[in-house]
Protein backbone atom coordinates (compact mmCIF):
# COMPACT_ATOMS: atom_id res chain seq x y z
CA MET A 1 33.53 14.52 -69.68
CA ALA A 2 32.70 17.17 -67.06
CA SER A 3 35.19 20.00 -66.75
CA ALA A 4 36.93 20.67 -63.43
CA ALA A 5 35.49 23.43 -61.28
CA SER A 6 37.40 26.69 -61.50
CA PRO A 7 38.90 28.20 -58.33
CA PRO A 8 37.00 31.06 -56.68
CA ALA A 9 37.85 34.60 -57.66
CA ALA A 10 39.82 36.77 -55.25
CA SER A 11 36.65 38.75 -54.48
CA GLU A 12 35.04 35.54 -53.22
CA LEU A 13 37.75 34.89 -50.60
CA ASP A 14 37.74 36.34 -47.10
CA SER A 15 40.83 37.39 -45.10
CA TYR A 16 41.64 33.70 -44.40
CA GLY A 17 41.43 32.64 -48.02
CA ALA A 18 38.05 30.99 -47.33
CA SER A 19 35.73 30.40 -50.25
CA ARG A 20 32.32 31.91 -49.46
CA GLY A 21 30.17 29.21 -51.03
CA ALA A 22 26.42 29.19 -50.51
CA GLY A 23 25.08 26.90 -47.80
CA PHE A 24 23.35 23.71 -48.90
CA LYS A 25 19.71 23.18 -48.06
CA SER A 26 18.28 20.18 -46.27
CA SER A 27 16.47 17.41 -48.13
CA GLY A 28 13.15 18.95 -47.13
CA ASP A 29 14.40 22.32 -48.41
CA THR A 30 12.89 23.98 -45.35
CA GLU A 31 16.04 25.22 -43.62
CA LYS A 32 19.61 25.93 -44.60
CA ALA A 33 22.39 23.77 -43.26
CA THR A 34 25.35 25.54 -41.69
CA PRO A 35 27.76 26.54 -44.50
CA TRP A 36 31.41 25.45 -44.33
CA PHE A 37 34.23 27.39 -45.99
CA LEU A 38 37.45 26.03 -47.46
CA ALA A 39 40.03 28.25 -45.72
CA THR A 40 43.56 28.01 -47.10
CA GLY A 41 44.86 30.30 -44.34
CA ALA A 42 43.32 28.47 -41.38
CA ALA A 43 45.63 26.38 -39.20
CA HIS A 44 42.86 24.00 -38.06
CA HIS A 45 39.30 22.98 -38.87
CA ALA A 46 37.06 25.12 -36.65
CA THR A 47 33.42 25.96 -35.99
CA GLY A 48 31.40 27.93 -33.48
CA GLU A 49 28.33 25.71 -33.95
CA TYR A 50 29.25 23.57 -30.95
CA LYS A 51 26.06 21.74 -29.93
CA SER A 52 24.52 21.21 -33.37
CA LEU A 53 27.58 20.03 -35.31
CA ILE A 54 30.22 18.65 -32.94
CA THR A 55 30.12 15.26 -31.23
CA GLU A 56 32.63 13.30 -29.14
CA THR A 57 34.63 16.34 -28.09
CA GLU A 58 37.65 16.59 -25.83
CA PRO A 59 38.15 19.74 -23.72
CA VAL A 60 41.31 21.75 -24.34
CA THR A 61 42.84 24.66 -22.45
CA ASP A 62 45.24 27.46 -23.39
CA TRP A 63 44.58 27.08 -27.12
CA VAL A 64 43.98 30.36 -28.96
CA VAL A 65 43.12 30.87 -32.62
CA SER A 66 43.38 34.12 -34.51
CA ALA A 67 40.16 35.88 -35.50
CA GLY A 68 39.62 38.13 -38.50
CA ASN A 69 39.48 41.20 -36.26
CA GLY A 70 43.02 40.55 -35.04
CA LYS A 71 41.93 39.32 -31.63
CA GLY A 72 42.52 35.83 -30.28
CA MET A 73 39.65 33.40 -29.66
CA HIS A 74 39.88 30.49 -27.21
CA ALA A 75 39.31 26.94 -28.48
CA HIS A 76 37.17 25.00 -26.01
CA SER A 77 37.27 21.44 -27.36
CA ILE A 78 38.67 19.11 -30.01
CA LEU A 79 37.85 15.63 -31.20
CA PRO A 80 39.09 13.10 -28.66
CA GLY A 81 42.30 11.18 -28.97
CA GLY A 82 42.87 9.45 -25.64
CA ILE A 83 39.26 9.26 -24.45
CA GLU A 84 37.68 5.81 -24.67
CA ASP A 85 34.60 7.16 -26.48
CA SER A 86 31.60 5.24 -25.13
CA THR A 87 33.41 2.68 -22.97
CA TRP A 88 32.32 2.52 -19.32
CA LEU A 89 34.23 0.83 -16.50
CA LEU A 90 32.86 -0.38 -13.16
CA ASP A 91 34.97 1.21 -10.44
CA SER A 92 34.72 0.27 -6.77
CA TYR A 93 37.02 3.17 -5.79
CA ALA A 94 35.20 5.99 -7.61
CA THR A 95 33.02 8.09 -5.31
CA ASN A 96 30.69 9.10 -8.15
CA ASN A 97 29.76 8.21 -11.71
CA MET A 98 31.90 10.40 -13.95
CA SER A 99 33.00 10.91 -17.53
CA GLY A 100 35.34 13.14 -19.49
CA ASN A 101 33.27 12.68 -22.65
CA LEU A 102 30.84 15.60 -22.87
CA SER A 103 29.04 14.13 -25.89
CA LEU A 104 27.63 11.33 -23.69
CA LEU A 105 25.89 13.69 -21.27
CA THR A 106 22.48 15.35 -21.46
CA HIS A 107 20.50 17.65 -19.13
CA MET A 108 23.72 19.14 -17.81
CA VAL A 109 23.63 21.29 -14.67
CA PRO A 110 26.74 23.43 -13.99
CA VAL A 111 28.78 22.66 -10.87
CA ASN A 112 31.25 24.95 -9.10
CA ASN A 113 33.96 24.32 -6.51
CA GLN A 114 33.82 20.53 -6.85
CA VAL A 115 37.06 18.57 -7.28
CA VAL A 116 37.74 14.85 -7.64
CA GLY A 117 41.04 13.07 -7.06
CA ALA A 118 42.99 11.69 -10.01
CA GLY A 119 45.45 8.83 -10.24
CA SER A 120 48.26 11.38 -10.52
CA GLY A 121 47.37 12.74 -7.09
CA LYS A 122 46.15 16.03 -8.54
CA GLY A 123 42.56 17.20 -8.29
CA MET A 124 40.34 17.46 -11.38
CA GLN A 125 37.56 20.02 -11.60
CA VAL A 126 33.94 18.88 -11.97
CA HIS A 127 32.17 21.13 -14.47
CA GLY A 128 28.65 19.73 -14.30
CA ILE A 129 26.26 16.88 -13.58
CA GLY A 130 24.17 15.23 -16.29
CA SER A 131 22.52 12.01 -17.41
CA VAL A 132 23.56 9.39 -19.94
CA PHE A 133 21.07 7.88 -22.40
CA THR A 134 22.85 5.64 -24.91
CA GLU A 135 22.00 2.28 -26.44
CA ALA A 136 24.19 0.49 -23.90
CA VAL A 137 24.08 2.74 -20.84
CA VAL A 138 21.29 4.64 -19.09
CA LEU A 139 22.70 6.35 -16.01
CA PRO A 140 21.65 9.45 -14.01
CA ASP A 141 23.79 11.74 -11.86
CA VAL A 142 27.04 11.58 -13.82
CA TRP A 143 29.77 14.12 -13.15
CA TYR A 144 31.40 15.77 -16.16
CA VAL A 145 35.16 15.93 -15.48
CA PRO A 146 37.11 17.46 -18.39
CA GLY A 147 40.39 15.65 -18.96
CA LEU A 148 39.21 12.36 -17.47
CA ALA A 149 40.34 9.74 -20.00
CA MET A 150 37.54 7.26 -19.30
CA SER A 151 33.95 6.96 -18.10
CA LEU A 152 33.43 5.38 -14.68
CA VAL A 153 30.39 3.79 -13.04
CA SER A 154 30.77 4.08 -9.28
CA VAL A 155 29.84 0.85 -7.48
CA ASN A 156 29.39 2.86 -4.27
CA GLN A 157 27.01 5.34 -5.89
CA LEU A 158 24.99 2.57 -7.54
CA THR A 159 24.38 0.72 -4.28
CA ASN A 160 23.89 3.84 -2.14
CA ASP A 161 21.39 5.44 -4.52
CA ASN A 162 19.67 2.14 -5.31
CA PRO A 163 19.48 -0.12 -2.21
CA ASN A 164 17.47 -2.66 -4.20
CA LEU A 165 20.45 -3.45 -6.45
CA SER A 166 22.84 -6.36 -6.08
CA ILE A 167 26.25 -6.29 -7.77
CA LYS A 168 28.02 -9.64 -8.01
CA MET A 169 31.47 -10.14 -9.51
CA SER A 170 32.41 -13.75 -10.15
CA GLY A 171 35.39 -14.71 -12.26
CA THR A 172 35.31 -12.83 -15.53
CA ALA A 173 31.68 -11.69 -15.27
CA CYS A 174 29.74 -9.14 -13.27
CA HIS A 175 25.96 -8.79 -13.04
CA VAL A 176 23.79 -6.00 -11.66
CA THR A 177 20.47 -7.38 -10.45
CA ASN A 178 17.25 -5.84 -9.19
CA ILE A 179 16.61 -7.64 -5.90
CA ASN A 180 12.87 -6.94 -6.02
CA ASP A 181 12.11 -8.88 -9.20
CA GLY A 182 15.39 -10.65 -9.98
CA SER A 183 15.84 -8.90 -13.32
CA VAL A 184 19.38 -8.33 -14.62
CA ILE A 185 19.72 -4.64 -15.44
CA GLY A 186 23.44 -4.60 -16.11
CA SER A 187 26.47 -6.72 -16.93
CA ALA A 188 30.21 -6.29 -17.36
CA HIS A 189 33.17 -8.43 -18.38
CA LEU A 190 36.71 -8.58 -17.03
CA ARG A 191 39.30 -7.18 -19.42
CA SER A 192 42.92 -8.22 -19.73
CA ASP A 193 43.92 -5.21 -17.59
CA ASN A 194 41.70 -6.54 -14.75
CA LYS A 195 39.07 -3.83 -15.19
CA TYR A 196 35.37 -4.60 -15.57
CA GLU A 197 34.03 -3.07 -18.79
CA VAL A 198 30.29 -2.45 -18.87
CA ASP A 199 28.35 -4.35 -21.53
CA PHE A 200 25.03 -2.72 -20.68
CA LEU A 201 23.48 -0.90 -17.74
CA ARG A 202 19.98 0.48 -17.22
CA ILE A 203 19.62 2.64 -14.11
CA LEU A 204 16.48 4.77 -13.97
CA GLN A 205 16.25 8.09 -12.18
CA ASN A 206 14.82 7.70 -8.67
């Protein structure tokens, strides 16, 4: 029977009580994976490797964690709680395609001084514009709005940017059709809350 691993010596712990274990190597043994430390003094799981390790994040503000040098460091995002991960809703009132889920967006371009209205009557800041390329949704020109609890496909933007599209809502179904060839490039279904949830949508960049 294998014996239990012994705890690290005091010399192997940093100021947070984190065990400085060696990083594992990848299966190809060509590059080291980012090492993680077991920190008994840390209040939360944390990493600075944002793009390579973290997915499905939710922006946070006014959160500060203590650093080893005694200075505070701002936390920029956490795993989502209220965000409907990859769910998209067709919205006839939205002026633009938008999402609060940063992990869905690629090719982001920063945006300044742009605000959208929220249901609460308060404005929400637009932080960037990107594109979505997922198995279900391909959509260009999507605003990134931190704090937005859902992802919205703007009916107005779809028809304005793509005059060859036809969007028909009938009963519990909605279909997006290319008028030129009659192909169905998107569909949605009516939920119990009377919102149309996108099943799939393929909008190519003009």
